[in-house]
């Protein structure tokens, strides 16, 4: 009994689809890389503003948490 080798999808074999079939995931956290990038951009916006000490500490702690997942 012979088993056929798996074949690539037609779109992938033609090179029409440059986007991966599945979203890119961070293997450590299981989060989507796209979502992590959005969070990083949001925290970067917050970093550019001046806040009181408590708010700055909260933002820094949240940012550390996000980066610890990477």
Protein backbone atom coordinates (compact mmCIF):
# COMPACT_ATOMS: atom_id res chain seq x y z
CA UNK A 1 0.00 0.00 0.00
CA UNK A 2 1.56 3.28 -1.12
CA UNK A 3 0.81 6.56 0.56
CA UNK A 4 0.81 9.70 -1.52
CA UNK A 5 3.03 12.55 -0.43
CA UNK A 6 1.19 15.63 0.75
CA UNK A 7 0.86 18.28 -1.92
CA UNK A 8 1.03 22.03 -1.50
CA UNK A 9 -2.10 24.04 -2.09
CA UNK A 10 -2.56 25.49 -5.57
CA UNK A 11 -2.24 29.09 -4.36
CA UNK A 12 0.94 28.34 -2.46
CA UNK A 13 2.47 26.44 -5.36
CA UNK A 14 1.75 29.33 -7.72
CA UNK A 15 3.29 31.84 -5.35
CA UNK A 16 0.09 33.89 -5.22
CA UNK A 17 -0.16 33.91 -1.46
CA UNK A 18 2.68 35.75 0.26
CA UNK A 19 0.88 35.76 3.59
CA UNK A 20 1.39 32.74 5.88
CA UNK A 21 -1.61 30.44 6.23
CA UNK A 22 -1.63 30.94 9.99
CA UNK A 23 -0.89 34.08 12.01
CA UNK A 24 2.62 34.37 13.38
CA UNK A 25 2.69 33.34 17.03
CA UNK A 26 5.17 33.98 19.78
CA UNK A 27 5.93 30.46 20.94
CA UNK A 28 6.70 31.44 24.52
CA UNK A 29 3.50 33.36 25.22
CA UNK A 30 1.21 31.93 22.55
CA UNK A 31 0.19 35.47 21.61
CA UNK A 32 -0.04 36.69 18.06
CA UNK A 33 2.99 38.72 17.00
CA UNK A 34 0.65 41.28 15.43
CA UNK A 35 -1.12 41.85 18.76
CA UNK A 36 2.19 42.14 20.61
CA UNK A 37 3.39 44.72 18.09
CA UNK A 38 0.22 46.77 18.65
CA UNK A 39 0.76 46.69 22.42
CA UNK A 40 4.39 47.72 22.03
CA UNK A 41 3.36 50.65 19.83
CA UNK A 42 0.73 51.71 22.36
CA UNK A 43 3.22 51.63 25.23
CA UNK A 44 5.72 53.57 23.12
CA UNK A 45 3.11 56.32 22.70
CA UNK A 46 2.64 56.38 26.47
CA UNK A 47 6.39 56.54 27.03
CA UNK A 48 6.57 59.71 24.96
CA UNK A 49 4.22 61.52 27.33
CA UNK A 50 5.05 62.73 30.79
CA UNK A 51 3.10 61.27 33.68
CA UNK A 52 3.26 61.43 37.41
CA UNK A 53 5.45 58.85 39.14
CA UNK A 54 2.64 56.35 39.86
CA UNK A 55 1.33 56.31 36.29
CA UNK A 56 4.87 56.03 34.90
CA UNK A 57 5.51 53.04 37.19
CA UNK A 58 2.29 51.34 36.03
CA UNK A 59 3.19 51.83 32.36
CA UNK A 60 6.74 50.61 32.93
CA UNK A 61 5.46 47.51 34.77
CA UNK A 62 2.97 46.73 31.98
CA UNK A 63 5.67 47.21 29.35
CA UNK A 64 8.02 44.86 31.24
CA UNK A 65 5.25 42.27 31.35
CA UNK A 66 4.72 42.45 27.58
CA UNK A 67 8.44 42.20 26.85
CA UNK A 68 8.83 39.30 29.29
CA UNK A 69 6.41 37.33 27.09
CA UNK A 70 8.69 37.74 24.06
